[in-house]
Structure formats: C-alpha cells, structure tokens
C-alpha cells in the first residue's frame, strides 16, 4: 500500500482452485505509520483497487481480513469495501465488540463510503457444550435478526491447527466439523448474495 507496486505483482495463487491472495508480510507492520504521511490515506486501498479494475473484475469476491482494531489499515479496507462480514466469537464480551463495529460502519458510511453495509455476522468458536455460547448466540440473533448467518462455526481443534500447517482447514481436514461449517457458510453466503441481487 505504500509502494506503487501493481496488484498483479503481489497476488499469489493458492492450492485452492480459483482462490488467490495477497499475503501480509513484515512490511505491513510499518505501513500504518507510513500511511499517516499520505494525502487521502484512508482511501489509498480504494485507489489501488480502482487502478487495477481489470484484475479485480476477474474475481467474484474480494475479502479483506482485518484486525479487530480500527487503525488506518482497517479503515482503508472499510473505505474500499461494499460490505462487512463480522466474525463474532460466542463469548462474554461479544455484543460489546459488535456494537462498536456497527458504530464504526455507520461512521465510515456517513463520512467516506456511502455504499458500506453490514452484510452479516458469523458466529464463531461456538461450543455447544457451553451454555454461554448459546446465550450469546440468542442475544446476537435477537438484536441483529436476519443479519446473523444461520451457519455457526464450531470451536474445533482442526481449525486452530490448520494455519500452523500453512493450509486452510478445507484442505487440512476437509471432513472436520470446522471445515464443513465453513463450506456451509460459503454456500449460505452465495445464496444470500443471490437473493440480494
């Protein structure tokens, strides 16, 4: 985001068919500080994507995996996006965090990206043996209604192990409950997108 490198130069294929990524590296850690000196620093990513519209147009979806904090990198992703998917751990402080996210989305929509919407909330790390997970899920569904995806991602050791092997859980252990849940989430996401069109 700091250097003027073409997106095609940093795009990497993956073992998953039809999936490419732009990996974060150590340079990204300093990008937040360097972005402060740029004009239109909040819109840098949007400008980069607009300049590579032919490349970007070849993808059905572009996802940005952002940290939960609202720094310049996350702000750039929000300004460049059409919608936000919020992964929400089914734990005690979950509602507090998601209310902050929705306020942030509203602020960004008003100030910098009128197209930005909350596409949905994905309940993650759900433990059916734990009453707290169910209580949090009920509270989130009660407040956000149909914004909450039906598919729930369970707490699953295979999901935790997969990154240490450099693989998505769908390749690391495709029959694991976590991999199956993510596959179901992808199907539900595509279905919702089709209904919205």
N, C-alpha and C. Protein backbone atom coordinates (compact mmCIF):
# COMPACT_ATOMS: atom_id res chain seq x y z
N UNK A 1 0.81 -1.20 0.00
CA UNK A 1 0.00 0.00 0.00
C UNK A 1 0.85 1.26 0.00
N UNK A 2 2.09 1.11 0.39
CA UNK A 2 2.97 2.27 0.44
C UNK A 2 3.69 2.44 -0.90
N UNK A 3 4.27 1.35 -1.39
CA UNK A 3 4.96 1.40 -2.68
C UNK A 3 3.92 1.31 -3.79
N UNK A 4 4.27 1.82 -4.94
CA UNK A 4 3.35 1.76 -6.07
C UNK A 4 3.58 0.50 -6.89
N UNK A 5 3.44 -0.66 -6.23
CA UNK A 5 3.58 -1.94 -6.93
C UNK A 5 2.23 -2.36 -7.49
N UNK A 6 2.21 -2.85 -8.72
CA UNK A 6 0.94 -3.32 -9.28
C UNK A 6 0.40 -4.51 -8.48
N UNK A 7 -0.92 -4.57 -8.36
CA UNK A 7 -1.54 -5.68 -7.63
C UNK A 7 -1.13 -7.03 -8.21
N UNK A 8 -1.01 -7.11 -9.52
CA UNK A 8 -0.64 -8.37 -10.16
C UNK A 8 0.71 -8.89 -9.66
N UNK A 9 1.59 -7.98 -9.23
CA UNK A 9 2.91 -8.39 -8.75
C UNK A 9 2.87 -9.00 -7.35
N UNK A 10 1.85 -8.70 -6.58
CA UNK A 10 1.79 -9.22 -5.21
C UNK A 10 0.72 -10.30 -5.02
N UNK A 11 -0.10 -10.51 -6.03
CA UNK A 11 -1.14 -11.54 -5.98
C UNK A 11 -0.51 -12.92 -6.07
N UNK A 12 -0.91 -13.82 -5.19
CA UNK A 12 -0.33 -15.17 -5.15
C UNK A 12 -1.42 -16.22 -5.34
N UNK A 13 -1.13 -17.26 -6.13
CA UNK A 13 -2.09 -18.37 -6.23
C UNK A 13 -2.05 -19.18 -4.94
N UNK A 14 -3.08 -19.97 -4.71
CA UNK A 14 -3.13 -20.85 -3.54
C UNK A 14 -3.43 -22.26 -4.02
N UNK A 15 -3.30 -23.26 -3.13
CA UNK A 15 -3.66 -24.63 -3.53
C UNK A 15 -5.17 -24.80 -3.77
N UNK A 16 -5.96 -23.82 -3.38
CA UNK A 16 -7.40 -23.89 -3.58
C UNK A 16 -7.72 -23.35 -4.97
N UNK A 17 -8.40 -24.13 -5.81
CA UNK A 17 -8.73 -23.64 -7.14
C UNK A 17 -9.54 -22.34 -7.08
N UNK A 18 -9.23 -21.42 -7.98
CA UNK A 18 -9.94 -20.14 -8.10
C UNK A 18 -9.83 -19.25 -6.87
N UNK A 19 -8.79 -19.43 -6.09
CA UNK A 19 -8.56 -18.58 -4.92
C UNK A 19 -7.14 -18.05 -4.95
N UNK A 20 -7.02 -16.75 -4.93
CA UNK A 20 -5.71 -16.09 -4.86
C UNK A 20 -5.69 -15.22 -3.62
N UNK A 21 -4.50 -14.83 -3.20
CA UNK A 21 -4.42 -13.93 -2.05
C UNK A 21 -3.23 -13.01 -2.17
N UNK A 22 -3.31 -11.95 -1.41
CA UNK A 22 -2.18 -11.04 -1.26
C UNK A 22 -1.77 -11.16 0.20
N UNK A 23 -0.67 -11.87 0.46
CA UNK A 23 -0.30 -12.13 1.85
C UNK A 23 0.27 -10.89 2.54
N UNK A 24 0.00 -10.81 3.82
CA UNK A 24 0.63 -9.77 4.64
C UNK A 24 2.06 -10.22 4.91
N UNK A 25 2.95 -9.27 5.04
CA UNK A 25 4.32 -9.59 5.41
C UNK A 25 4.79 -8.58 6.44
N UNK A 26 6.07 -8.64 6.79
CA UNK A 26 6.59 -7.75 7.83
C UNK A 26 6.48 -6.28 7.45
N UNK A 27 6.48 -5.98 6.15
CA UNK A 27 6.35 -4.58 5.72
C UNK A 27 5.01 -3.98 6.12
N UNK A 28 3.99 -4.82 6.25
CA UNK A 28 2.67 -4.31 6.59
C UNK A 28 2.64 -3.72 8.00
N UNK A 29 3.49 -4.24 8.87
CA UNK A 29 3.52 -3.73 10.25
C UNK A 29 3.86 -2.24 10.28
N UNK A 30 4.75 -1.80 9.42
CA UNK A 30 5.13 -0.39 9.39
C UNK A 30 4.24 0.47 8.51
N UNK A 31 3.38 -0.17 7.74
CA UNK A 31 2.54 0.57 6.79
C UNK A 31 1.61 1.55 7.49
N UNK A 32 1.12 1.16 8.64
CA UNK A 32 0.18 2.02 9.38
C UNK A 32 0.83 3.37 9.69
N UNK A 33 2.08 3.32 10.13
CA UNK A 33 2.79 4.56 10.47
C UNK A 33 3.10 5.36 9.21
N UNK A 34 3.52 4.67 8.15
CA UNK A 34 3.86 5.37 6.91
C UNK A 34 2.65 5.99 6.23
N UNK A 35 1.49 5.37 6.38
CA UNK A 35 0.27 5.90 5.76
C UNK A 35 -0.11 7.28 6.29
N UNK A 36 0.29 7.57 7.51
CA UNK A 36 -0.08 8.84 8.13
C UNK A 36 0.37 10.02 7.27
N UNK A 37 1.48 9.87 6.57
CA UNK A 37 2.02 10.96 5.76
C UNK A 37 1.37 11.13 4.39
N UNK A 38 0.48 10.23 4.01
CA UNK A 38 -0.15 10.29 2.68
C UNK A 38 -1.39 11.17 2.69
N UNK A 39 -1.59 11.90 1.59
CA UNK A 39 -2.88 12.56 1.37
C UNK A 39 -3.90 11.46 1.08
N UNK A 40 -5.13 11.66 1.47
CA UNK A 40 -6.18 10.67 1.22
C UNK A 40 -5.80 9.28 1.76
N UNK A 41 -5.11 9.26 2.88
CA UNK A 41 -4.58 8.00 3.42
C UNK A 41 -5.66 6.95 3.67
N UNK A 42 -6.89 7.39 3.99
CA UNK A 42 -7.98 6.44 4.26
C UNK A 42 -8.48 5.80 2.98
N UNK A 43 -8.17 6.41 1.83
CA UNK A 43 -8.69 5.93 0.55
C UNK A 43 -7.62 5.28 -0.31
N UNK A 44 -6.46 5.04 0.25
CA UNK A 44 -5.33 4.51 -0.53
C UNK A 44 -5.69 3.16 -1.17
N UNK A 45 -6.27 2.26 -0.40
CA UNK A 45 -6.61 0.94 -0.93
C UNK A 45 -7.68 1.05 -2.01
N UNK A 46 -8.66 1.90 -1.81
CA UNK A 46 -9.70 2.08 -2.83
C UNK A 46 -9.09 2.57 -4.15
N UNK A 47 -8.14 3.50 -4.07
CA UNK A 47 -7.47 4.00 -5.28
C UNK A 47 -6.66 2.89 -5.96
N UNK A 48 -5.99 2.07 -5.15
CA UNK A 48 -5.19 0.96 -5.70
C UNK A 48 -6.11 -0.01 -6.45
N UNK A 49 -7.23 -0.36 -5.85
CA UNK A 49 -8.17 -1.29 -6.48
C UNK A 49 -8.78 -0.69 -7.75
N UNK A 50 -9.10 0.59 -7.71
CA UNK A 50 -9.66 1.26 -8.89
C UNK A 50 -8.65 1.27 -10.04
N UNK A 51 -7.38 1.39 -9.70
CA UNK A 51 -6.33 1.39 -10.72
C UNK A 51 -6.06 0.01 -11.29
N UNK A 52 -6.60 -1.01 -10.67
CA UNK A 52 -6.43 -2.39 -11.15
C UNK A 52 -7.79 -3.02 -11.42
N UNK A 53 -8.70 -2.22 -11.94
CA UNK A 53 -10.09 -2.68 -12.11
C UNK A 53 -10.21 -3.91 -13.00
N UNK A 54 -9.35 -4.02 -14.01
CA UNK A 54 -9.41 -5.20 -14.89
C UNK A 54 -9.04 -6.46 -14.11
N UNK A 55 -8.01 -6.39 -13.29
CA UNK A 55 -7.60 -7.54 -12.48
C UNK A 55 -8.66 -7.85 -11.43
N UNK A 56 -9.10 -6.85 -10.71
CA UNK A 56 -10.09 -7.03 -9.64
C UNK A 56 -11.41 -7.54 -10.21
N UNK A 57 -11.78 -7.07 -11.39
CA UNK A 57 -13.02 -7.50 -12.02
C UNK A 57 -13.05 -8.97 -12.38
N UNK A 58 -11.90 -9.62 -12.39
CA UNK A 58 -11.83 -11.05 -12.68
C UNK A 58 -12.20 -11.93 -11.50
N UNK A 59 -12.46 -11.33 -10.35
CA UNK A 59 -12.81 -12.09 -9.15
C UNK A 59 -14.29 -11.91 -8.83
N UNK A 60 -14.89 -12.97 -8.31
CA UNK A 60 -16.28 -12.87 -7.86
C UNK A 60 -16.37 -12.07 -6.57
N UNK A 61 -15.40 -12.30 -5.69
CA UNK A 61 -15.38 -11.64 -4.38
C UNK A 61 -13.95 -11.25 -4.04
N UNK A 62 -13.82 -10.15 -3.31
CA UNK A 62 -12.54 -9.73 -2.74
C UNK A 62 -12.79 -9.53 -1.25
N UNK A 63 -12.06 -10.28 -0.43
CA UNK A 63 -12.21 -10.19 1.02
C UNK A 63 -10.95 -9.59 1.62
N UNK A 64 -11.13 -8.75 2.63
CA UNK A 64 -10.02 -8.20 3.40
C UNK A 64 -10.13 -8.78 4.81
N UNK A 65 -9.09 -9.45 5.27
CA UNK A 65 -9.07 -10.00 6.62
C UNK A 65 -8.43 -8.95 7.51
N UNK A 66 -9.22 -8.32 8.36
CA UNK A 66 -8.76 -7.17 9.14
C UNK A 66 -8.65 -7.49 10.62
N UNK A 67 -7.75 -6.80 11.30
CA UNK A 67 -7.69 -6.94 12.76
C UNK A 67 -8.92 -6.28 13.39
N UNK A 68 -9.22 -6.62 14.64
CA UNK A 68 -10.40 -6.03 15.28
C UNK A 68 -10.24 -4.56 15.64
N UNK A 69 -9.01 -4.06 15.61
CA UNK A 69 -8.81 -2.65 15.96
C UNK A 69 -9.08 -1.77 14.75
N UNK A 70 -9.43 -0.52 15.00
CA UNK A 70 -9.70 0.39 13.89
C UNK A 70 -8.50 1.30 13.67
N UNK A 71 -7.51 0.77 12.98
CA UNK A 71 -6.37 1.57 12.56
C UNK A 71 -6.54 1.97 11.11
N UNK A 72 -5.52 2.57 10.54
CA UNK A 72 -5.60 3.02 9.15
C UNK A 72 -5.75 1.87 8.16
N UNK A 73 -5.18 0.71 8.47
CA UNK A 73 -5.31 -0.43 7.55
C UNK A 73 -6.76 -0.91 7.50
N UNK A 74 -7.38 -1.07 8.66
CA UNK A 74 -8.78 -1.49 8.70
C UNK A 74 -9.67 -0.42 8.08
N UNK A 75 -9.38 0.83 8.37
CA UNK A 75 -10.17 1.93 7.79
C UNK A 75 -10.08 1.91 6.26
N UNK A 76 -8.89 1.65 5.72
CA UNK A 76 -8.73 1.53 4.28
C UNK A 76 -9.59 0.41 3.72
N UNK A 77 -9.63 -0.71 4.41
CA UNK A 77 -10.46 -1.84 3.95
C UNK A 77 -11.94 -1.46 3.97
N UNK A 78 -12.38 -0.76 5.00
CA UNK A 78 -13.78 -0.35 5.08
C UNK A 78 -14.14 0.65 3.99
N UNK A 79 -13.24 1.56 3.70
CA UNK A 79 -13.50 2.56 2.67
C UNK A 79 -13.52 1.91 1.27
N UNK A 80 -12.76 0.84 1.09
CA UNK A 80 -12.69 0.17 -0.22
C UNK A 80 -13.77 -0.90 -0.41
N UNK A 81 -14.54 -1.20 0.63
CA UNK A 81 -15.47 -2.33 0.60
C UNK A 81 -16.90 -1.92 0.31
N UNK A 82 -17.68 -2.91 -0.11
CA UNK A 82 -19.12 -2.72 -0.27
C UNK A 82 -19.85 -3.20 0.97
N UNK A 83 -19.28 -4.22 1.62
CA UNK A 83 -19.95 -4.79 2.78
C UNK A 83 -18.96 -5.36 3.77
N UNK A 84 -19.46 -5.61 4.98
CA UNK A 84 -18.64 -6.12 6.06
C UNK A 84 -19.25 -7.40 6.60
N UNK A 85 -18.42 -8.43 6.71
CA UNK A 85 -18.79 -9.66 7.41
C UNK A 85 -18.06 -9.63 8.75
N UNK A 86 -18.79 -9.76 9.83
CA UNK A 86 -18.19 -9.69 11.15
C UNK A 86 -18.15 -11.08 11.77
N UNK A 87 -16.94 -11.65 11.96
CA UNK A 87 -16.86 -12.90 12.72
C UNK A 87 -16.97 -12.56 14.20
N UNK A 88 -17.84 -13.25 14.90
CA UNK A 88 -18.11 -12.92 16.29
C UNK A 88 -17.97 -14.16 17.16
N UNK A 89 -16.97 -14.15 18.02
CA UNK A 89 -16.80 -15.27 18.94
C UNK A 89 -17.96 -15.29 19.93
N UNK A 90 -18.49 -16.47 20.18
CA UNK A 90 -19.63 -16.58 21.09
C UNK A 90 -19.12 -16.60 22.53
N UNK A 91 -18.61 -15.46 22.95
CA UNK A 91 -18.05 -15.31 24.28
C UNK A 91 -18.63 -14.06 24.94
N UNK A 92 -18.32 -13.87 26.20
CA UNK A 92 -18.98 -12.90 27.07
C UNK A 92 -19.03 -11.47 26.52
N UNK A 93 -17.91 -10.94 26.04
CA UNK A 93 -17.87 -9.54 25.61
C UNK A 93 -18.23 -9.35 24.14
N UNK A 94 -18.79 -10.36 23.52
CA UNK A 94 -19.06 -10.33 22.08
C UNK A 94 -19.97 -9.17 21.68
N UNK A 95 -21.07 -8.98 22.38
CA UNK A 95 -22.02 -7.94 21.99
C UNK A 95 -21.41 -6.55 22.09
N UNK A 96 -20.56 -6.36 23.08
CA UNK A 96 -19.91 -5.06 23.23
C UNK A 96 -19.04 -4.76 22.01
N UNK A 97 -18.29 -5.76 21.57
CA UNK A 97 -17.43 -5.58 20.40
C UNK A 97 -18.20 -5.33 19.13
N UNK A 98 -19.29 -6.07 18.93
CA UNK A 98 -20.05 -5.92 17.69
C UNK A 98 -20.79 -4.59 17.66
N UNK A 99 -21.19 -4.08 18.80
CA UNK A 99 -21.84 -2.76 18.79
C UNK A 99 -20.84 -1.68 18.39
N UNK A 100 -19.58 -1.83 18.79
CA UNK A 100 -18.54 -0.89 18.36
C UNK A 100 -18.34 -0.96 16.85
N UNK A 101 -18.32 -2.19 16.32
CA UNK A 101 -18.14 -2.37 14.87
C UNK A 101 -19.28 -1.70 14.10
N UNK A 102 -20.51 -1.88 14.56
CA UNK A 102 -21.64 -1.29 13.83
C UNK A 102 -21.58 0.24 13.88
N UNK A 103 -21.15 0.79 15.00
CA UNK A 103 -20.98 2.25 15.07
C UNK A 103 -19.90 2.72 14.09
N UNK A 104 -18.82 1.96 14.01
CA UNK A 104 -17.74 2.30 13.08
C UNK A 104 -18.22 2.24 11.64
N UNK A 105 -18.97 1.19 11.30
CA UNK A 105 -19.51 1.06 9.94
C UNK A 105 -20.39 2.27 9.62
N UNK A 106 -21.23 2.66 10.57
CA UNK A 106 -22.09 3.83 10.36
C UNK A 106 -21.28 5.10 10.13
N UNK A 107 -20.22 5.29 10.92
CA UNK A 107 -19.38 6.48 10.76
C UNK A 107 -18.69 6.50 9.39
N UNK A 108 -18.13 5.35 9.01
CA UNK A 108 -17.44 5.27 7.71
C UNK A 108 -18.44 5.49 6.58
N UNK A 109 -19.64 4.93 6.71
CA UNK A 109 -20.67 5.11 5.68
C UNK A 109 -21.01 6.60 5.52
N UNK A 110 -21.18 7.29 6.62
CA UNK A 110 -21.54 8.71 6.55
C UNK A 110 -20.41 9.58 6.01
N UNK A 111 -19.18 9.25 6.37
CA UNK A 111 -18.06 10.14 6.05
C UNK A 111 -17.30 9.79 4.77
N UNK A 112 -17.17 8.49 4.45
CA UNK A 112 -16.24 8.13 3.38
C UNK A 112 -16.71 7.09 2.38
N UNK A 113 -17.76 6.33 2.70
CA UNK A 113 -18.16 5.25 1.80
C UNK A 113 -19.65 4.98 1.97
N UNK A 114 -20.45 5.68 1.22
CA UNK A 114 -21.91 5.57 1.37
C UNK A 114 -22.44 4.19 0.99
N UNK A 115 -21.64 3.38 0.29
CA UNK A 115 -22.08 2.04 -0.13
C UNK A 115 -21.85 0.98 0.94
N UNK A 116 -21.16 1.31 2.01
CA UNK A 116 -20.78 0.30 3.01
C UNK A 116 -21.98 -0.18 3.81
N UNK A 117 -22.12 -1.51 3.90
CA UNK A 117 -23.22 -2.10 4.67
C UNK A 117 -22.70 -3.23 5.55
N UNK A 118 -23.46 -3.54 6.57
CA UNK A 118 -23.18 -4.73 7.38
C UNK A 118 -23.85 -5.89 6.65
N UNK A 119 -23.05 -6.73 6.01
CA UNK A 119 -23.59 -7.86 5.24
C UNK A 119 -24.06 -8.97 6.16
N UNK A 120 -23.36 -9.15 7.25
CA UNK A 120 -23.77 -10.22 8.14
C UNK A 120 -22.78 -10.45 9.26
N UNK A 121 -23.25 -11.23 10.23
CA UNK A 121 -22.45 -11.60 11.38
C UNK A 121 -22.35 -13.12 11.40
N UNK A 122 -21.12 -13.61 11.56
CA UNK A 122 -20.87 -15.04 11.59
C UNK A 122 -20.48 -15.42 13.02
N UNK A 123 -21.26 -16.28 13.64
CA UNK A 123 -20.95 -16.74 14.99
C UNK A 123 -19.85 -17.78 14.90
N UNK A 124 -18.75 -17.55 15.63
CA UNK A 124 -17.60 -18.45 15.58
C UNK A 124 -17.25 -18.96 16.98
N UNK A 125 -16.40 -19.98 16.99
CA UNK A 125 -15.91 -20.58 18.24
C UNK A 125 -17.08 -21.01 19.13
N UNK A 126 -18.13 -21.46 18.48
CA UNK A 126 -19.34 -21.89 19.19
C UNK A 126 -19.08 -23.25 19.82
N UNK A 127 -19.37 -23.35 21.11
CA UNK A 127 -19.19 -24.61 21.84
C UNK A 127 -20.55 -25.05 22.36
N UNK A 128 -21.12 -26.06 21.74
CA UNK A 128 -22.48 -26.48 22.11
C UNK A 128 -22.55 -27.05 23.53
N UNK A 129 -21.40 -27.38 24.11
CA UNK A 129 -21.38 -27.89 25.49
C UNK A 129 -21.41 -26.76 26.51
N UNK A 130 -21.32 -25.53 26.02
CA UNK A 130 -21.20 -24.37 26.89
C UNK A 130 -22.47 -23.52 26.78
N UNK A 131 -23.16 -23.34 27.90
CA UNK A 131 -24.39 -22.53 27.89
C UNK A 131 -24.14 -21.10 27.44
N UNK A 132 -22.95 -20.56 27.75
CA UNK A 132 -22.64 -19.19 27.38
C UNK A 132 -22.69 -19.00 25.87
N UNK A 133 -22.16 -19.96 25.12
CA UNK A 133 -22.21 -19.87 23.65
C UNK A 133 -23.64 -19.72 23.17
N UNK A 134 -24.54 -20.51 23.71
CA UNK A 134 -25.94 -20.45 23.29
C UNK A 134 -26.59 -19.13 23.70
N UNK A 135 -26.28 -18.66 24.90
CA UNK A 135 -26.84 -17.38 25.36
C UNK A 135 -26.38 -16.22 24.49
N UNK A 136 -25.09 -16.20 24.16
CA UNK A 136 -24.55 -15.15 23.30
C UNK A 136 -25.20 -15.23 21.92
N UNK A 137 -25.31 -16.45 21.38
CA UNK A 137 -25.93 -16.63 20.06
C UNK A 137 -27.37 -16.11 20.07
N UNK A 138 -28.12 -16.42 21.12
CA UNK A 138 -29.50 -15.95 21.22
C UNK A 138 -29.57 -14.42 21.30
N UNK A 139 -28.68 -13.83 22.10
CA UNK A 139 -28.65 -12.36 22.23
C UNK A 139 -28.33 -11.70 20.89
N UNK A 140 -27.32 -12.22 20.20
CA UNK A 140 -26.90 -11.64 18.93
C UNK A 140 -28.03 -11.78 17.90
N UNK A 141 -28.64 -12.95 17.84
CA UNK A 141 -29.75 -13.17 16.90
C UNK A 141 -30.95 -12.29 17.25
N UNK A 142 -31.19 -12.11 18.55
CA UNK A 142 -32.29 -11.26 18.97
C UNK A 142 -32.10 -9.81 18.57
N UNK A 143 -30.86 -9.35 18.61
CA UNK A 143 -30.58 -7.95 18.30
C UNK A 143 -30.41 -7.71 16.80
N UNK A 144 -29.66 -8.59 16.12
CA UNK A 144 -29.32 -8.37 14.72
C UNK A 144 -30.20 -9.14 13.74
N UNK A 145 -31.09 -9.96 14.26
CA UNK A 145 -32.08 -10.68 13.44
C UNK A 145 -31.45 -11.40 12.25
N UNK A 146 -31.94 -11.09 11.04
CA UNK A 146 -31.51 -11.83 9.85
C UNK A 146 -30.11 -11.45 9.36
N UNK A 147 -29.45 -10.52 10.03
CA UNK A 147 -28.06 -10.21 9.69
C UNK A 147 -27.12 -11.33 10.16
N UNK A 148 -27.60 -12.16 11.09
CA UNK A 148 -26.77 -13.25 11.63
C UNK A 148 -26.93 -14.46 10.72
N UNK A 149 -25.81 -14.98 10.25
CA UNK A 149 -25.85 -16.17 9.41
C UNK A 149 -26.38 -17.36 10.20
N UNK A 150 -27.14 -18.22 9.53
CA UNK A 150 -27.64 -19.43 10.17
C UNK A 150 -26.48 -20.37 10.51
N UNK A 151 -25.51 -20.45 9.62
CA UNK A 151 -24.36 -21.31 9.82
C UNK A 151 -23.52 -20.80 10.98
N UNK A 152 -23.17 -21.70 11.88
CA UNK A 152 -22.35 -21.37 13.05
C UNK A 152 -21.04 -22.15 12.93
N UNK A 153 -19.93 -21.47 13.18
CA UNK A 153 -18.62 -22.13 13.11
C UNK A 153 -18.29 -22.65 14.50
N UNK A 154 -18.15 -23.98 14.65
CA UNK A 154 -17.91 -24.53 15.99
C UNK A 154 -16.45 -24.35 16.42
N UNK A 155 -16.27 -24.40 17.71
CA UNK A 155 -14.90 -24.48 18.24
C UNK A 155 -14.38 -25.84 17.80
N UNK A 156 -13.24 -25.86 17.10
CA UNK A 156 -12.75 -27.09 16.50
C UNK A 156 -11.23 -27.05 16.43
N UNK A 157 -10.59 -28.05 16.97
CA UNK A 157 -9.13 -28.06 17.04
C UNK A 157 -8.51 -28.04 15.65
N UNK A 158 -9.16 -28.63 14.66
CA UNK A 158 -8.61 -28.67 13.31
C UNK A 158 -8.54 -27.26 12.69
N UNK A 159 -9.50 -26.42 13.02
CA UNK A 159 -9.46 -25.02 12.55
C UNK A 159 -8.25 -24.32 13.16
N UNK A 160 -7.96 -24.61 14.42
CA UNK A 160 -6.81 -23.99 15.10
C UNK A 160 -5.49 -24.52 14.57
N UNK A 161 -5.44 -25.80 14.21
CA UNK A 161 -4.19 -26.42 13.74
C UNK A 161 -3.83 -26.03 12.31
N UNK A 162 -4.82 -25.85 11.47
CA UNK A 162 -4.59 -25.67 10.03
C UNK A 162 -3.58 -24.57 9.69
N UNK A 163 -3.66 -23.37 10.29
CA UNK A 163 -2.69 -22.32 9.91
C UNK A 163 -1.23 -22.70 10.19
N UNK A 164 -1.00 -23.50 11.23
CA UNK A 164 0.38 -23.89 11.53
C UNK A 164 0.94 -24.84 10.47
N UNK A 165 0.08 -25.40 9.65
CA UNK A 165 0.49 -26.26 8.54
C UNK A 165 0.45 -25.52 7.21
N UNK A 166 0.14 -24.23 7.27
CA UNK A 166 0.10 -23.42 6.07
C UNK A 166 -1.05 -23.75 5.14
N UNK A 167 -2.13 -24.28 5.70
CA UNK A 167 -3.27 -24.69 4.89
C UNK A 167 -4.57 -24.16 5.47
N UNK A 168 -5.55 -23.92 4.61
CA UNK A 168 -6.89 -23.65 5.14
C UNK A 168 -7.46 -24.96 5.67
N UNK A 169 -8.37 -24.87 6.60
CA UNK A 169 -8.94 -26.08 7.19
C UNK A 169 -9.63 -26.94 6.13
N UNK A 170 -10.11 -26.32 5.06
CA UNK A 170 -10.78 -27.07 3.99
C UNK A 170 -9.84 -28.04 3.28
N UNK A 171 -8.54 -27.79 3.32
CA UNK A 171 -7.55 -28.72 2.77
C UNK A 171 -6.89 -29.55 3.85
N UNK A 172 -6.69 -28.96 5.02
CA UNK A 172 -6.03 -29.66 6.13
C UNK A 172 -6.84 -30.85 6.60
N UNK A 173 -8.12 -30.65 6.82
CA UNK A 173 -9.01 -31.74 7.23
C UNK A 173 -10.43 -31.42 6.75
N UNK A 174 -10.71 -31.70 5.47
CA UNK A 174 -11.99 -31.30 4.90
C UNK A 174 -13.21 -31.94 5.55
N UNK A 175 -13.01 -33.05 6.27
CA UNK A 175 -14.16 -33.70 6.92
C UNK A 175 -14.38 -33.24 8.36
N UNK A 176 -13.53 -32.36 8.83
CA UNK A 176 -13.68 -31.87 10.21
C UNK A 176 -14.93 -31.01 10.31
N UNK A 177 -15.51 -30.93 11.51
CA UNK A 177 -16.70 -30.08 11.69
C UNK A 177 -16.44 -28.62 11.31
N UNK A 178 -15.24 -28.13 11.58
CA UNK A 178 -14.92 -26.75 11.24
C UNK A 178 -14.90 -26.52 9.74
N UNK A 179 -14.26 -27.43 9.00
CA UNK A 179 -14.21 -27.30 7.53
C UNK A 179 -15.60 -27.40 6.93
N UNK A 180 -16.40 -28.32 7.43
CA UNK A 180 -17.75 -28.48 6.91
C UNK A 180 -18.60 -27.23 7.21
N UNK A 181 -18.39 -26.65 8.38
CA UNK A 181 -19.13 -25.43 8.73
C UNK A 181 -18.73 -24.27 7.82
N UNK A 182 -17.44 -24.13 7.55
CA UNK A 182 -17.01 -23.05 6.64
C UNK A 182 -17.54 -23.27 5.23
N UNK A 183 -17.60 -24.52 4.78
CA UNK A 183 -18.18 -24.81 3.46
C UNK A 183 -19.66 -24.43 3.44
N UNK A 184 -20.37 -24.76 4.52
CA UNK A 184 -21.79 -24.40 4.62
C UNK A 184 -21.96 -22.88 4.65
N UNK A 185 -21.04 -22.19 5.33
CA UNK A 185 -21.09 -20.73 5.38
C UNK A 185 -20.91 -20.13 3.98
N UNK A 186 -19.96 -20.67 3.22
CA UNK A 186 -19.75 -20.18 1.85
C UNK A 186 -21.01 -20.37 1.01
N UNK A 187 -21.65 -21.51 1.16
CA UNK A 187 -22.89 -21.77 0.42
C UNK A 187 -23.98 -20.79 0.84
N UNK A 188 -24.11 -20.57 2.15
CA UNK A 188 -25.12 -19.63 2.64
C UNK A 188 -24.82 -18.21 2.17
N UNK A 189 -23.55 -17.84 2.18
CA UNK A 189 -23.15 -16.50 1.73
C UNK A 189 -23.55 -16.30 0.26
N UNK A 190 -23.22 -17.28 -0.58
CA UNK A 190 -23.56 -17.17 -2.01
C UNK A 190 -25.08 -17.13 -2.21
N UNK A 191 -25.81 -17.91 -1.42
CA UNK A 191 -27.27 -17.89 -1.52
C UNK A 191 -27.81 -16.51 -1.16
N UNK A 192 -27.31 -15.95 -0.06
CA UNK A 192 -27.76 -14.61 0.35
C UNK A 192 -27.43 -13.57 -0.71
N UNK A 193 -26.24 -13.67 -1.28
CA UNK A 193 -25.83 -12.72 -2.32
C UNK A 193 -26.77 -12.83 -3.52
N UNK A 194 -27.16 -14.05 -3.87
CA UNK A 194 -28.08 -14.26 -4.98
C UNK A 194 -29.45 -13.68 -4.70
N UNK A 195 -29.91 -13.81 -3.46
CA UNK A 195 -31.22 -13.26 -3.08
C UNK A 195 -31.20 -11.74 -3.08
N UNK A 196 -30.05 -11.17 -2.76
CA UNK A 196 -29.94 -9.71 -2.69
C UNK A 196 -29.86 -9.06 -4.07
N UNK A 197 -29.45 -9.85 -5.07
CA UNK A 197 -29.27 -9.29 -6.42
C UNK A 197 -30.58 -9.03 -7.12
